């Protein structure tokens, strides 16, 4: 889904900017895996956006973490444009982007989701 076609160069740019706006930071492989797109195209667009001054990055060990550049002169209009494109995205995508995990999974924890109403759920 390419909502901002004509304004941005590529669909992957839009996805990267939406991801970073909602999650604050991210790295190339995580963004590519989230959207199910090529890691190579994401890396190319991250490099272009950083070269243009829209993003900044820093190394954490061997990983390069990206975020929106707080000194980018058009950051607030860019965020408004991205926010106006959000309603066109599926609710599940937005929910998954805004969901934050606070701690890692416990060792041996089952990977099935058990909710009230499921037969496996016990009070």
N, C-alpha and C. Protein backbone atom coordinates (compact mmCIF):
# COMPACT_ATOMS: atom_id res chain seq x y z
N UNK A 1 0.85 -1.17 0.00
CA UNK A 1 0.00 0.00 0.00
C UNK A 1 0.90 1.23 0.00
N UNK A 2 0.82 2.02 -1.05
CA UNK A 2 1.67 3.20 -1.21
C UNK A 2 0.76 4.42 -1.23
N UNK A 3 0.53 5.01 -0.05
CA UNK A 3 -0.40 6.12 0.12
C UNK A 3 0.18 7.43 -0.41
N UNK A 4 1.44 7.68 -0.13
CA UNK A 4 2.07 8.96 -0.45
C UNK A 4 2.83 8.91 -1.78
N UNK A 5 2.29 8.15 -2.73
CA UNK A 5 2.91 8.04 -4.05
C UNK A 5 2.92 9.43 -4.69
N UNK A 6 4.02 9.80 -5.28
CA UNK A 6 4.14 11.12 -5.89
C UNK A 6 4.87 12.10 -4.99
N UNK A 7 4.84 11.83 -3.68
CA UNK A 7 5.55 12.70 -2.73
C UNK A 7 6.89 12.06 -2.35
N UNK A 8 6.85 10.75 -2.12
CA UNK A 8 8.07 10.02 -1.76
C UNK A 8 8.56 9.23 -2.96
N UNK A 9 9.85 8.86 -2.94
CA UNK A 9 10.45 8.15 -4.07
C UNK A 9 9.97 6.71 -4.20
N UNK A 10 9.77 6.04 -3.05
CA UNK A 10 9.47 4.61 -3.11
C UNK A 10 8.53 4.24 -1.97
N UNK A 11 7.81 3.14 -2.17
CA UNK A 11 6.90 2.64 -1.15
C UNK A 11 7.66 2.28 0.13
N UNK A 12 8.88 1.76 -0.04
CA UNK A 12 9.67 1.39 1.15
C UNK A 12 10.02 2.62 1.98
N UNK A 13 10.19 3.77 1.35
CA UNK A 13 10.45 5.00 2.11
C UNK A 13 9.27 5.33 3.01
N UNK A 14 8.08 5.22 2.46
CA UNK A 14 6.88 5.50 3.25
C UNK A 14 6.79 4.54 4.44
N UNK A 15 7.02 3.27 4.19
CA UNK A 15 6.94 2.27 5.25
C UNK A 15 7.99 2.53 6.33
N UNK A 16 9.19 2.90 5.93
CA UNK A 16 10.26 3.21 6.88
C UNK A 16 9.86 4.41 7.74
N UNK A 17 9.37 5.46 7.12
CA UNK A 17 9.01 6.68 7.86
C UNK A 17 7.85 6.43 8.82
N UNK A 18 6.84 5.66 8.38
CA UNK A 18 5.72 5.32 9.27
C UNK A 18 6.24 4.51 10.45
N UNK A 19 7.09 3.53 10.18
CA UNK A 19 7.66 2.67 11.23
C UNK A 19 8.41 3.52 12.25
N UNK A 20 9.29 4.39 11.77
CA UNK A 20 10.10 5.20 12.68
C UNK A 20 9.28 6.26 13.41
N UNK A 21 8.23 6.76 12.79
CA UNK A 21 7.38 7.74 13.47
C UNK A 21 6.65 7.07 14.65
N UNK A 22 6.15 5.85 14.43
CA UNK A 22 5.37 5.19 15.48
C UNK A 22 6.24 4.49 16.52
N UNK A 23 7.41 4.00 16.12
CA UNK A 23 8.26 3.26 17.05
C UNK A 23 9.45 4.07 17.56
N UNK A 24 9.69 5.23 17.05
CA UNK A 24 10.79 6.13 17.41
C UNK A 24 12.14 5.69 16.85
N UNK A 25 12.50 4.42 16.99
CA UNK A 25 13.77 3.94 16.46
C UNK A 25 13.56 2.58 15.80
N UNK A 26 14.54 2.19 15.00
CA UNK A 26 14.49 0.89 14.37
C UNK A 26 15.73 0.65 13.55
N UNK A 27 15.92 -0.60 13.17
CA UNK A 27 17.06 -0.93 12.31
C UNK A 27 16.54 -1.65 11.08
N UNK A 28 17.36 -1.68 10.05
CA UNK A 28 16.94 -2.14 8.74
C UNK A 28 16.28 -3.50 8.71
N UNK A 29 16.90 -4.49 9.30
CA UNK A 29 16.37 -5.85 9.23
C UNK A 29 15.01 -5.95 9.93
N UNK A 30 14.84 -5.28 11.06
CA UNK A 30 13.57 -5.32 11.78
C UNK A 30 12.45 -4.68 10.95
N UNK A 31 12.76 -3.59 10.27
CA UNK A 31 11.77 -2.92 9.43
C UNK A 31 11.39 -3.83 8.26
N UNK A 32 12.38 -4.42 7.62
CA UNK A 32 12.13 -5.32 6.48
C UNK A 32 11.31 -6.53 6.92
N UNK A 33 11.62 -7.11 8.06
CA UNK A 33 10.88 -8.27 8.55
C UNK A 33 9.45 -7.90 8.93
N UNK A 34 9.27 -6.73 9.51
CA UNK A 34 7.93 -6.31 9.91
C UNK A 34 7.00 -6.22 8.69
N UNK A 35 7.48 -5.62 7.61
CA UNK A 35 6.66 -5.43 6.42
C UNK A 35 6.76 -6.60 5.44
N UNK A 36 7.71 -7.50 5.65
CA UNK A 36 7.89 -8.62 4.73
C UNK A 36 8.43 -8.18 3.38
N UNK A 37 9.36 -7.22 3.40
CA UNK A 37 9.96 -6.73 2.16
C UNK A 37 11.46 -7.00 2.19
N UNK A 38 12.10 -6.75 1.08
CA UNK A 38 13.53 -7.02 0.92
C UNK A 38 14.37 -6.15 1.86
N UNK A 39 15.28 -6.80 2.53
CA UNK A 39 16.20 -6.09 3.44
C UNK A 39 17.08 -5.12 2.65
N UNK A 40 17.44 -5.53 1.44
CA UNK A 40 18.30 -4.70 0.60
C UNK A 40 17.62 -3.39 0.22
N UNK A 41 16.35 -3.43 -0.15
CA UNK A 41 15.65 -2.20 -0.52
C UNK A 41 15.48 -1.28 0.68
N UNK A 42 15.25 -1.86 1.85
CA UNK A 42 15.13 -1.06 3.07
C UNK A 42 16.46 -0.38 3.38
N UNK A 43 17.55 -1.13 3.29
CA UNK A 43 18.88 -0.55 3.57
C UNK A 43 19.20 0.59 2.61
N UNK A 44 18.87 0.42 1.33
CA UNK A 44 19.12 1.48 0.35
C UNK A 44 18.32 2.74 0.69
N UNK A 45 17.04 2.57 1.04
CA UNK A 45 16.22 3.72 1.37
C UNK A 45 16.65 4.38 2.67
N UNK A 46 17.08 3.59 3.64
CA UNK A 46 17.60 4.17 4.89
C UNK A 46 18.83 5.02 4.60
N UNK A 47 19.72 4.52 3.74
CA UNK A 47 20.91 5.29 3.38
C UNK A 47 20.53 6.58 2.67
N UNK A 48 19.57 6.52 1.75
CA UNK A 48 19.13 7.73 1.03
C UNK A 48 18.51 8.75 1.99
N UNK A 49 17.63 8.27 2.87
CA UNK A 49 16.98 9.17 3.81
C UNK A 49 17.98 9.80 4.77
N UNK A 50 18.99 9.03 5.16
CA UNK A 50 20.02 9.60 6.04
C UNK A 50 20.87 10.61 5.28
N UNK A 51 21.19 10.31 4.04
CA UNK A 51 21.97 11.23 3.22
C UNK A 51 21.22 12.54 3.00
N UNK A 52 19.89 12.45 2.87
CA UNK A 52 19.06 13.65 2.68
C UNK A 52 18.80 14.41 3.98
N UNK A 53 19.21 13.84 5.11
CA UNK A 53 19.05 14.52 6.39
C UNK A 53 17.75 14.25 7.10
N UNK A 54 16.92 13.36 6.56
CA UNK A 54 15.63 13.06 7.17
C UNK A 54 15.82 12.15 8.39
N UNK A 55 16.80 11.25 8.31
CA UNK A 55 17.09 10.31 9.39
C UNK A 55 18.49 10.53 9.92
N UNK A 56 18.70 10.09 11.15
CA UNK A 56 20.04 10.01 11.73
C UNK A 56 20.19 8.59 12.27
N UNK A 57 21.44 8.17 12.38
CA UNK A 57 21.68 6.82 12.88
C UNK A 57 22.88 6.80 13.81
N UNK A 58 22.97 5.73 14.58
CA UNK A 58 24.14 5.49 15.41
C UNK A 58 24.30 3.98 15.56
N UNK A 59 25.53 3.58 15.85
CA UNK A 59 25.81 2.16 16.00
C UNK A 59 25.56 1.71 17.43
N UNK A 60 24.94 0.54 17.54
CA UNK A 60 24.81 -0.16 18.82
C UNK A 60 25.45 -1.51 18.58
N UNK A 61 26.71 -1.62 18.97
CA UNK A 61 27.47 -2.82 18.62
C UNK A 61 27.65 -2.85 17.12
N UNK A 62 27.15 -3.90 16.47
CA UNK A 62 27.24 -4.00 15.02
C UNK A 62 25.98 -3.52 14.31
N UNK A 63 24.94 -3.20 15.07
CA UNK A 63 23.67 -2.76 14.48
C UNK A 63 23.64 -1.25 14.31
N UNK A 64 23.12 -0.80 13.19
CA UNK A 64 22.92 0.63 12.98
C UNK A 64 21.46 0.92 13.23
N UNK A 65 21.20 1.74 14.25
CA UNK A 65 19.83 2.09 14.63
C UNK A 65 19.49 3.47 14.06
N UNK A 66 18.29 3.57 13.47
CA UNK A 66 17.86 4.81 12.81
C UNK A 66 16.71 5.44 13.58
N UNK A 67 16.60 6.76 13.43
CA UNK A 67 15.47 7.51 13.96
C UNK A 67 15.28 8.76 13.11
N UNK A 68 14.10 9.37 13.23
CA UNK A 68 13.86 10.62 12.52
C UNK A 68 14.81 11.68 13.07
N UNK A 69 15.35 12.50 12.19
CA UNK A 69 16.30 13.53 12.59
C UNK A 69 15.56 14.68 13.27
N UNK A 70 15.80 14.89 14.57
CA UNK A 70 15.09 15.98 15.26
C UNK A 70 15.48 17.37 14.74
N UNK A 71 16.59 17.47 14.01
CA UNK A 71 17.04 18.76 13.47
C UNK A 71 16.61 18.95 12.01
N UNK A 72 15.88 18.01 11.47
CA UNK A 72 15.40 18.14 10.09
C UNK A 72 14.42 19.31 10.05
N UNK A 73 14.64 20.29 9.16
CA UNK A 73 13.81 21.51 9.18
C UNK A 73 12.33 21.28 8.91
N UNK A 74 11.99 20.20 8.21
CA UNK A 74 10.59 19.95 7.87
C UNK A 74 10.04 18.75 8.63
N UNK A 75 10.56 18.50 9.83
CA UNK A 75 10.14 17.34 10.60
C UNK A 75 8.66 17.42 11.00
N UNK A 76 8.21 18.55 11.51
CA UNK A 76 6.81 18.62 11.94
C UNK A 76 5.84 18.50 10.75
N UNK A 77 6.09 19.15 9.60
CA UNK A 77 5.19 18.91 8.47
C UNK A 77 5.24 17.46 7.97
N UNK A 78 6.43 16.85 8.03
CA UNK A 78 6.55 15.45 7.62
C UNK A 78 5.73 14.54 8.53
N UNK A 79 5.81 14.78 9.84
CA UNK A 79 5.03 13.98 10.78
C UNK A 79 3.53 14.17 10.55
N UNK A 80 3.10 15.39 10.27
CA UNK A 80 1.69 15.64 10.00
C UNK A 80 1.24 14.91 8.73
N UNK A 81 2.08 14.92 7.72
CA UNK A 81 1.77 14.20 6.48
C UNK A 81 1.65 12.70 6.74
N UNK A 82 2.58 12.16 7.51
CA UNK A 82 2.55 10.72 7.83
C UNK A 82 1.33 10.38 8.68
N UNK A 83 1.00 11.25 9.62
CA UNK A 83 -0.19 11.02 10.47
C UNK A 83 -1.46 11.03 9.62
N UNK A 84 -1.50 11.87 8.61
CA UNK A 84 -2.69 11.92 7.76
C UNK A 84 -2.79 10.68 6.88
N UNK A 85 -1.68 9.99 6.63
CA UNK A 85 -1.69 8.76 5.83
C UNK A 85 -2.04 7.54 6.68
N UNK A 86 -1.92 7.62 8.00
CA UNK A 86 -2.16 6.47 8.88
C UNK A 86 -3.55 5.84 8.75
N UNK A 87 -4.63 6.61 8.62
CA UNK A 87 -5.95 5.97 8.53
C UNK A 87 -6.11 5.03 7.33
N UNK A 88 -5.28 5.18 6.31
CA UNK A 88 -5.36 4.31 5.14
C UNK A 88 -4.72 2.94 5.39
N UNK A 89 -3.92 2.84 6.44
CA UNK A 89 -3.28 1.57 6.77
C UNK A 89 -4.24 0.69 7.57
N UNK A 90 -4.09 -0.64 7.44
CA UNK A 90 -4.94 -1.54 8.22
C UNK A 90 -4.73 -1.34 9.73
N UNK A 91 -5.79 -1.48 10.51
CA UNK A 91 -5.70 -1.32 11.96
C UNK A 91 -4.69 -2.28 12.57
N UNK A 92 -4.60 -3.49 12.03
CA UNK A 92 -3.66 -4.47 12.59
C UNK A 92 -2.22 -4.00 12.44
N UNK A 93 -1.89 -3.37 11.32
CA UNK A 93 -0.53 -2.86 11.11
C UNK A 93 -0.22 -1.77 12.12
N UNK A 94 -1.13 -0.84 12.31
CA UNK A 94 -0.91 0.26 13.26
C UNK A 94 -0.81 -0.29 14.68
N UNK A 95 -1.68 -1.24 15.02
CA UNK A 95 -1.66 -1.84 16.35
C UNK A 95 -0.32 -2.54 16.60
N UNK A 96 0.17 -3.29 15.61
CA UNK A 96 1.45 -3.99 15.76
C UNK A 96 2.63 -3.02 15.87
N UNK A 97 2.54 -1.88 15.20
CA UNK A 97 3.61 -0.89 15.27
C UNK A 97 3.62 -0.17 16.62
N UNK A 98 2.46 0.05 17.19
CA UNK A 98 2.41 0.80 18.45
C UNK A 98 2.51 -0.09 19.67
N UNK A 99 2.43 -1.41 19.49
CA UNK A 99 2.56 -2.32 20.62
C UNK A 99 4.02 -2.35 21.09
N UNK A 100 4.21 -2.19 22.39
CA UNK A 100 5.56 -2.22 22.92
C UNK A 100 5.72 -3.40 23.87
N UNK A 101 6.81 -4.10 23.70
CA UNK A 101 7.11 -5.20 24.62
C UNK A 101 8.06 -4.64 25.67
N UNK A 102 7.75 -4.90 26.91
CA UNK A 102 8.54 -4.31 27.98
C UNK A 102 9.67 -5.21 28.47
N UNK A 103 9.57 -6.50 28.21
CA UNK A 103 10.63 -7.40 28.65
C UNK A 103 10.68 -8.61 27.74
N UNK A 104 11.79 -9.31 27.72
CA UNK A 104 11.90 -10.49 26.86
C UNK A 104 11.05 -11.65 27.37
N UNK A 105 10.76 -12.58 26.49
CA UNK A 105 10.00 -13.77 26.86
C UNK A 105 10.77 -14.59 27.88
N UNK A 106 10.05 -15.21 28.78
CA UNK A 106 10.65 -16.11 29.75
C UNK A 106 11.04 -17.41 29.04
N UNK A 107 12.14 -18.01 29.46
CA UNK A 107 12.58 -19.27 28.88
C UNK A 107 11.52 -20.34 29.13
N UNK A 108 11.18 -21.09 28.10
CA UNK A 108 10.22 -22.17 28.23
C UNK A 108 8.76 -21.75 28.19
N UNK A 109 8.48 -20.47 28.02
CA UNK A 109 7.11 -19.99 27.99
C UNK A 109 6.46 -20.46 26.68
N UNK A 110 5.21 -20.98 26.74
CA UNK A 110 4.57 -21.43 25.51
C UNK A 110 4.30 -20.26 24.57
N UNK A 111 4.31 -20.54 23.27
CA UNK A 111 4.13 -19.47 22.29
C UNK A 111 2.69 -19.29 21.86
N UNK A 112 1.75 -20.03 22.44
CA UNK A 112 0.34 -19.85 22.08
C UNK A 112 -0.27 -18.74 22.92
N UNK A 113 -1.20 -18.03 22.34
CA UNK A 113 -1.88 -16.96 23.07
C UNK A 113 -3.13 -17.54 23.72
N UNK A 114 -3.25 -17.38 25.01
CA UNK A 114 -4.42 -17.86 25.74
C UNK A 114 -5.16 -16.66 26.29
N UNK A 115 -6.43 -16.54 25.89
CA UNK A 115 -7.24 -15.39 26.29
C UNK A 115 -8.49 -15.87 27.00
N UNK A 116 -9.11 -15.02 27.78
CA UNK A 116 -10.39 -15.39 28.39
C UNK A 116 -11.37 -15.83 27.31
N UNK A 117 -12.07 -16.92 27.56
CA UNK A 117 -12.99 -17.47 26.57
C UNK A 117 -12.41 -18.64 25.81
N UNK A 118 -11.06 -18.75 25.76
CA UNK A 118 -10.43 -19.91 25.14
C UNK A 118 -10.57 -21.11 26.06
N UNK A 119 -10.68 -22.32 25.51
CA UNK A 119 -10.84 -23.51 26.35
C UNK A 119 -9.64 -23.75 27.26
N UNK A 120 -8.46 -23.28 26.91
CA UNK A 120 -7.26 -23.51 27.72
C UNK A 120 -7.13 -22.51 28.87
N UNK A 121 -7.94 -21.44 28.82
CA UNK A 121 -7.84 -20.40 29.84
C UNK A 121 -8.46 -20.87 31.15
N UNK A 122 -7.71 -20.69 32.25
CA UNK A 122 -8.21 -21.05 33.57
C UNK A 122 -8.02 -19.86 34.49
N UNK A 123 -9.02 -19.58 35.28
CA UNK A 123 -8.94 -18.43 36.23
C UNK A 123 -8.03 -18.75 37.38
